[in-house]
């Protein structure tokens, strides 16, 4: 495992681009891939023939191709990352998940999915991306839960390598429990949440009747099958068995995923590159050492630029391993 930490100043120097280069960025175009019942849709920013291509796989829940969701996340981290990579002459495809947003027609019920389904969609996206760009292979970048999807996608010659950004190393059952317990204000729901998570991890459904209102969304009957499937995966084990180049990028001020997750992912791959970024949060913004509330507030700010160290780490890895 190769470990590095970017300084904030150094990262900005590495990521600096002339204004003219930024102005000449290509516009995104719609790209489709085959889905189960209808097309999957995404956005391609084509940096030119022969340039490397990164497929950005979104995180959990109703997260769109820009990295936003209806729960207040408007920071647009995937769009900003794609634009920043285009300035480095790296093409990107960012996608809407089956059953959601532009890919709504792909399945009738967006909750009737598994990690294997999402992985199959990634394989379809790789083929569509290669056909559209002529690329020999495609880099898979998974953010948050998308990191698990990328790890669950079968190895193939047309996958250049994997990039895990703010991705869990713990199983998701443990992760969700730890996230709930991280906030002392949640003490009133600890027992109910722990009991429900234990049942789901054992493959059993839970009855939300009588649960605290704050848990009803998390344990809604419609999503329990997905949670059961999600919890059976061990991301660190999958990472250890993965083939090809592996980059792990983790912000040190991420209030959802910790540095320990990144270290777990890297532990089983001595050739993996681990990059820890001081002051960077879950939506890839530079927030420094501000408190939890201010950190969370950045999730709604699309005008706050993506951290330059994130861009430098990803672009440097992709361009160096072509």
Protein backbone atom coordinates (compact mmCIF):
# COMPACT_ATOMS: atom_id res chain seq x y z
CA UNK A 1 0.00 0.00 0.00
CA UNK A 2 1.35 3.39 -0.99
CA UNK A 3 0.20 6.13 1.37
CA UNK A 4 0.31 9.87 0.72
CA UNK A 5 -1.21 13.03 2.10
CA UNK A 6 -1.68 16.08 -0.09
CA UNK A 7 -1.08 19.45 1.51
CA UNK A 8 -3.81 21.96 0.76
CA UNK A 9 -1.39 24.44 -0.83
CA UNK A 10 0.39 21.76 -2.83
CA UNK A 11 -2.90 20.37 -4.13
CA UNK A 12 -4.01 23.76 -5.40
CA UNK A 13 -0.73 24.16 -7.24
CA UNK A 14 -1.07 20.73 -8.82
CA UNK A 15 -4.66 21.37 -9.89
CA UNK A 16 -4.17 24.88 -11.22
CA UNK A 17 -5.27 25.30 -14.84
CA UNK A 18 -5.19 28.35 -17.12
CA UNK A 19 -8.52 30.16 -17.44
CA UNK A 20 -8.40 29.65 -21.20
CA UNK A 21 -8.19 25.87 -20.75
CA UNK A 22 -11.23 25.93 -18.50
CA UNK A 23 -13.18 27.94 -21.09
CA UNK A 24 -12.49 25.39 -23.82
CA UNK A 25 -14.08 22.47 -21.98
CA UNK A 26 -16.45 20.36 -24.08
CA UNK A 27 -20.13 20.43 -23.16
CA UNK A 28 -21.76 17.28 -21.74
CA UNK A 29 -23.83 15.15 -24.10
CA UNK A 30 -26.43 12.53 -23.25
CA UNK A 31 -25.27 8.92 -23.36
CA UNK A 32 -27.38 5.79 -22.94
CA UNK A 33 -26.76 2.20 -21.97
CA UNK A 34 -29.21 -0.72 -22.06
CA UNK A 35 -31.24 -1.32 -18.89
CA UNK A 36 -33.63 -4.12 -17.90
CA UNK A 37 -36.84 -2.49 -19.18
CA UNK A 38 -35.62 0.79 -20.63
CA UNK A 39 -32.51 2.82 -21.24
CA UNK A 40 -30.07 4.00 -18.62
CA UNK A 41 -29.06 7.65 -19.10
CA UNK A 42 -25.95 9.58 -18.25
CA UNK A 43 -23.77 12.51 -19.31
CA UNK A 44 -20.55 12.21 -21.28
CA UNK A 45 -17.88 14.90 -21.26
CA UNK A 46 -15.57 13.82 -24.06
CA UNK A 47 -12.07 15.25 -23.69
CA UNK A 48 -11.03 13.94 -27.09
CA UNK A 49 -9.96 10.85 -28.97
CA UNK A 50 -7.51 8.66 -27.14
CA UNK A 51 -8.04 10.35 -23.78
CA UNK A 52 -8.70 8.24 -20.63
CA UNK A 53 -12.32 7.89 -19.51
CA UNK A 54 -13.65 7.74 -15.93
CA UNK A 55 -17.12 6.35 -15.18
CA UNK A 56 -18.50 8.00 -12.01
CA UNK A 57 -20.79 5.65 -10.06
CA UNK A 58 -23.05 7.49 -7.58
CA UNK A 59 -23.61 6.92 -3.89
CA UNK A 60 -26.63 5.66 -1.99
CA UNK A 61 -30.29 6.46 -2.40
CA UNK A 62 -31.72 8.97 -4.87
CA UNK A 63 -28.37 10.48 -5.85
CA UNK A 64 -28.35 11.86 -9.38
CA UNK A 65 -25.57 12.10 -11.95
CA UNK A 66 -24.45 15.47 -10.52
CA UNK A 67 -24.13 14.02 -7.00
CA UNK A 68 -27.24 15.75 -5.64
CA UNK A 69 -30.29 14.31 -3.89
CA UNK A 70 -33.65 15.43 -2.54
CA UNK A 71 -32.44 15.30 1.06
CA UNK A 72 -30.63 18.61 0.79
CA UNK A 73 -27.43 17.62 -1.02
CA UNK A 74 -26.92 20.23 -3.74
CA UNK A 75 -23.13 20.39 -3.73
CA UNK A 76 -22.89 18.84 -7.25
CA UNK A 77 -19.64 16.98 -6.50
CA UNK A 78 -19.82 14.67 -9.54
CA UNK A 79 -20.50 17.48 -12.00
CA UNK A 80 -17.70 19.58 -10.53
CA UNK A 81 -15.33 16.60 -10.56
CA UNK A 82 -16.18 15.84 -14.21
CA UNK A 83 -15.53 19.45 -15.19
CA UNK A 84 -12.24 19.52 -13.31
CA UNK A 85 -11.09 16.26 -14.92
CA UNK A 86 -12.03 17.61 -18.36
CA UNK A 87 -9.59 20.45 -17.69
CA UNK A 88 -6.95 17.72 -17.31
CA UNK A 89 -8.02 16.16 -20.66
CA UNK A 90 -9.78 13.25 -18.95
CA UNK A 91 -13.22 12.23 -20.22
CA UNK A 92 -16.01 11.27 -17.84
CA UNK A 93 -19.39 9.60 -17.82
CA UNK A 94 -21.68 10.28 -14.85
CA UNK A 95 -24.86 8.30 -14.57
CA UNK A 96 -28.36 8.10 -13.16
CA UNK A 97 -29.07 4.79 -11.43
CA UNK A 98 -31.74 2.42 -12.74
CA UNK A 99 -35.24 3.55 -11.83
CA UNK A 100 -34.18 7.11 -10.98
CA UNK A 101 -34.05 10.48 -12.75
CA UNK A 102 -33.05 10.04 -16.41
CA UNK A 103 -32.94 6.25 -15.95
CA UNK A 104 -36.45 6.06 -14.48
CA UNK A 105 -37.73 3.87 -17.33
CA UNK A 106 -35.08 1.19 -16.73
CA UNK A 107 -37.19 -0.51 -14.01
CA UNK A 108 -40.68 0.03 -12.62
CA UNK A 109 -39.62 0.19 -8.95
CA UNK A 110 -36.31 1.82 -8.04
CA UNK A 111 -36.32 -0.04 -4.70
CA UNK A 112 -36.36 -3.46 -6.35
CA UNK A 113 -32.61 -3.60 -6.88
CA UNK A 114 -29.52 -5.36 -5.59
CA UNK A 115 -25.84 -4.47 -5.58
CA UNK A 116 -25.40 -7.10 -8.29
CA UNK A 117 -27.99 -5.26 -10.40
CA UNK A 118 -26.07 -2.00 -10.07
CA UNK A 119 -22.85 -3.84 -10.91
CA UNK A 120 -24.46 -5.26 -14.05
CA UNK A 121 -25.41 -1.72 -15.03
CA UNK A 122 -21.79 -0.63 -14.58
CA UNK A 123 -20.72 -3.38 -16.98
CA UNK A 124 -23.31 -2.12 -19.48
CA UNK A 125 -22.02 1.44 -19.02
CA UNK A 126 -18.45 0.34 -19.68
CA UNK A 127 -19.48 -1.15 -23.01
CA UNK A 128 -21.54 1.91 -23.97
CA UNK A 129 -18.74 4.26 -22.94
CA UNK A 130 -16.15 2.38 -24.97
CA UNK A 131 -18.45 2.42 -28.00
CA UNK A 132 -18.98 6.17 -27.68
CA UNK A 133 -15.37 7.15 -27.03
CA UNK A 134 -13.28 4.43 -28.63
CA UNK A 135 -11.47 3.91 -25.33
CA UNK A 136 -9.66 0.61 -24.86
CA UNK A 137 -10.79 0.49 -21.23
CA UNK A 138 -12.73 2.58 -18.71
CA UNK A 139 -11.79 3.65 -15.17
CA UNK A 140 -14.43 2.93 -12.54
CA UNK A 141 -14.83 5.60 -9.85
CA UNK A 142 -17.25 4.84 -7.03
CA UNK A 143 -18.24 7.46 -4.49
CA UNK A 144 -19.58 6.38 -1.09
CA UNK A 145 -21.88 3.36 -1.69
CA UNK A 146 -20.81 3.56 -5.33
CA UNK A 147 -17.44 2.29 -4.13
CA UNK A 148 -19.06 -1.00 -3.15
CA UNK A 149 -20.78 -1.21 -6.54
CA UNK A 150 -17.44 -0.69 -8.28
CA UNK A 151 -15.84 -3.40 -6.15
CA UNK A 152 -18.74 -5.78 -6.87
CA UNK A 153 -18.38 -5.26 -10.64
CA UNK A 154 -16.56 -8.28 -12.09
CA UNK A 155 -12.99 -7.78 -13.28
CA UNK A 156 -12.69 -7.53 -17.05
CA UNK A 157 -10.05 -6.45 -19.61
CA UNK A 158 -12.11 -3.35 -20.46
CA UNK A 159 -11.81 -2.02 -16.88
CA UNK A 160 -8.64 0.10 -16.55
CA UNK A 161 -8.75 0.10 -12.76
CA UNK A 162 -10.80 1.27 -9.77
CA UNK A 163 -10.94 4.52 -7.83
CA UNK A 164 -12.73 4.46 -4.47
CA UNK A 165 -13.67 7.89 -3.11
CA UNK A 166 -15.19 8.31 0.37
CA UNK A 167 -15.99 4.59 0.27
CA UNK A 168 -16.81 2.31 3.20
CA UNK A 169 -14.40 -0.36 4.33
CA UNK A 170 -16.77 -1.63 7.01
CA UNK A 171 -19.84 -3.69 6.15
CA UNK A 172 -22.83 -1.40 5.72
CA UNK A 173 -24.63 -2.83 8.74
CA UNK A 174 -21.72 -1.86 10.95
CA UNK A 175 -21.33 1.47 9.16
CA UNK A 176 -24.98 2.48 9.64
CA UNK A 177 -24.84 1.52 13.32
CA UNK A 178 -21.64 3.49 13.83
CA UNK A 179 -23.10 6.53 12.04
CA UNK A 180 -26.17 6.48 14.28
CA UNK A 181 -24.07 6.08 17.45
CA UNK A 182 -21.69 8.86 16.40
CA UNK A 183 -24.31 11.44 17.35
CA UNK A 184 -25.13 11.45 21.10
CA UNK A 185 -28.45 13.10 20.30
CA UNK A 186 -29.52 9.78 18.75
CA UNK A 187 -29.29 7.96 22.09
CA UNK A 188 -33.07 7.63 22.25
CA UNK A 189 -33.06 5.43 19.13
CA UNK A 190 -29.90 3.37 19.75
CA UNK A 191 -31.69 0.25 21.02
CA UNK A 192 -34.35 0.17 18.30
CA UNK A 193 -31.84 0.85 15.55
CA UNK A 194 -29.40 -1.79 16.81
CA UNK A 195 -32.13 -4.44 17.04
CA UNK A 196 -33.43 -3.67 13.54
CA UNK A 197 -29.95 -3.72 12.01
CA UNK A 198 -29.17 -7.06 13.67
CA UNK A 199 -32.31 -8.63 12.20
CA UNK A 200 -31.66 -7.26 8.73
CA UNK A 201 -28.05 -8.46 8.85
CA UNK A 202 -29.41 -11.92 9.64
CA UNK A 203 -31.62 -11.74 6.54
CA UNK A 204 -34.86 -11.07 8.43
CA UNK A 205 -37.36 -8.28 7.85
CA UNK A 206 -38.38 -5.92 10.64
CA UNK A 207 -41.76 -4.45 11.55
CA UNK A 208 -41.43 -0.65 11.73
CA UNK A 209 -44.65 -0.32 13.75
CA UNK A 210 -43.83 1.38 17.02
CA UNK A 211 -40.43 2.57 15.88
CA UNK A 212 -39.25 6.08 16.59
CA UNK A 213 -40.34 8.37 13.71
CA UNK A 214 -36.70 9.13 12.98
CA UNK A 215 -36.13 5.50 11.95
CA UNK A 216 -39.16 4.99 9.71
CA UNK A 217 -37.41 6.18 6.55
CA UNK A 218 -34.32 4.08 7.14
CA UNK A 219 -36.28 0.89 7.86
CA UNK A 220 -39.23 1.39 5.51
CA UNK A 221 -40.57 -1.97 4.27
CA UNK A 222 -39.91 -0.97 0.66
CA UNK A 223 -36.15 -0.76 1.20
CA UNK A 224 -35.57 -3.68 3.55
CA UNK A 225 -34.77 -6.20 0.83
CA UNK A 226 -32.13 -3.82 -0.49
CA UNK A 227 -30.67 -3.33 2.98
CA UNK A 228 -30.50 -7.08 3.55
CA UNK A 229 -28.61 -7.48 0.27
CA UNK A 230 -26.36 -4.50 0.97
CA UNK A 231 -25.32 -5.74 4.40
CA UNK A 232 -24.04 -9.08 3.16
CA UNK A 233 -21.11 -7.48 1.33
CA UNK A 234 -17.66 -7.01 2.87
CA UNK A 235 -16.02 -4.12 0.99
CA UNK A 236 -12.51 -4.65 2.38
CA UNK A 237 -12.57 -8.29 1.33
CA UNK A 238 -13.72 -7.36 -2.16
CA UNK A 239 -10.96 -4.77 -2.41
CA UNK A 240 -8.33 -7.35 -1.43
CA UNK A 241 -9.51 -9.63 -4.23
CA UNK A 242 -9.82 -6.96 -6.91
CA UNK A 243 -7.45 -6.87 -9.88
CA UNK A 244 -5.82 -3.95 -11.60
CA UNK A 245 -4.77 -0.51 -10.37
CA UNK A 246 -6.54 0.67 -7.21
CA UNK A 247 -6.69 4.21 -5.84
CA UNK A 248 -8.39 5.02 -2.53
CA UNK A 249 -9.14 8.68 -1.80
CA UNK A 250 -10.47 9.76 1.59
CA UNK A 251 -11.12 13.15 3.14
CA UNK A 252 -10.02 13.52 6.74
CA UNK A 253 -13.03 15.69 7.67
CA UNK A 254 -15.66 13.27 6.33
CA UNK A 255 -18.47 12.93 8.89
CA UNK A 256 -19.96 9.86 7.15
CA UNK A 257 -16.97 7.70 6.24
CA UNK A 258 -13.73 7.63 8.22
CA UNK A 259 -10.05 7.34 7.46
CA UNK A 260 -10.23 3.90 9.07
CA UNK A 261 -12.49 2.78 6.21
CA UNK A 262 -9.90 3.84 3.64
CA UNK A 263 -7.16 2.04 5.55
CA UNK A 264 -9.30 -1.12 5.68
CA UNK A 265 -9.81 -0.99 1.91
CA UNK A 266 -6.10 -0.55 1.30
CA UNK A 267 -4.92 -3.14 3.82
CA UNK A 268 -5.38 -6.15 1.56
CA UNK A 269 -3.75 -4.60 -1.50
CA UNK A 270 -0.09 -3.74 -0.99
CA UNK A 271 -0.03 -2.12 -4.43
CA UNK A 272 -3.03 0.13 -3.73
CA UNK A 273 -2.45 3.87 -3.54
CA UNK A 274 -4.06 5.53 -0.51
CA UNK A 275 -4.49 9.31 -0.51
CA UNK A 276 -5.73 11.08 2.63
CA UNK A 277 -6.81 14.68 2.21
CA UNK A 278 -6.79 17.06 5.20
CA UNK A 279 -9.94 19.15 5.62
CA UNK A 280 -11.93 17.40 2.88
CA UNK A 281 -15.46 16.21 3.60
CA UNK A 282 -17.78 13.57 2.17
CA UNK A 283 -18.93 15.68 -0.79
CA UNK A 284 -15.29 16.39 -1.68
CA UNK A 285 -15.24 20.02 -0.53
CA UNK A 286 -12.47 21.68 1.47
CA UNK A 287 -14.03 22.63 4.81
CA UNK A 288 -11.04 22.63 7.14
CA UNK A 289 -11.62 21.90 10.81
CA UNK A 290 -15.10 23.43 11.09
CA UNK A 291 -17.74 21.88 13.32
CA UNK A 292 -20.16 19.15 12.26
CA UNK A 293 -23.05 21.52 11.51
CA UNK A 294 -20.95 23.77 9.30
CA UNK A 295 -19.50 20.73 7.55
CA UNK A 296 -23.00 19.47 6.78
CA UNK A 297 -24.03 22.92 5.54
CA UNK A 298 -21.47 22.63 2.73
CA UNK A 299 -23.54 19.78 1.29
CA UNK A 300 -25.99 22.38 -0.03
CA UNK A 301 -23.40 24.66 -1.62
CA UNK A 302 -22.67 24.01 -5.31
CA UNK A 303 -20.62 27.22 -5.47
CA UNK A 304 -17.97 25.82 -3.15
CA UNK A 305 -15.40 24.26 -5.53
CA UNK A 306 -14.38 20.65 -5.32
CA UNK A 307 -11.13 20.23 -3.40
CA UNK A 308 -8.12 20.55 -5.66
CA UNK A 309 -6.40 17.65 -3.91
CA UNK A 310 -9.21 15.30 -4.93
CA UNK A 311 -8.77 16.28 -8.58
CA UNK A 312 -4.98 16.07 -8.40
CA UNK A 313 -5.05 12.62 -6.83
CA UNK A 314 -7.48 11.16 -9.36
CA UNK A 315 -6.02 12.83 -12.44
CA UNK A 316 -2.47 12.02 -11.42
CA UNK A 317 -3.29 8.35 -10.86
CA UNK A 318 -5.21 7.95 -14.12
CA UNK A 319 -2.65 9.72 -16.25
CA UNK A 320 0.31 7.96 -14.63
CA UNK A 321 -1.07 4.45 -15.14
CA UNK A 322 -2.22 4.65 -18.74
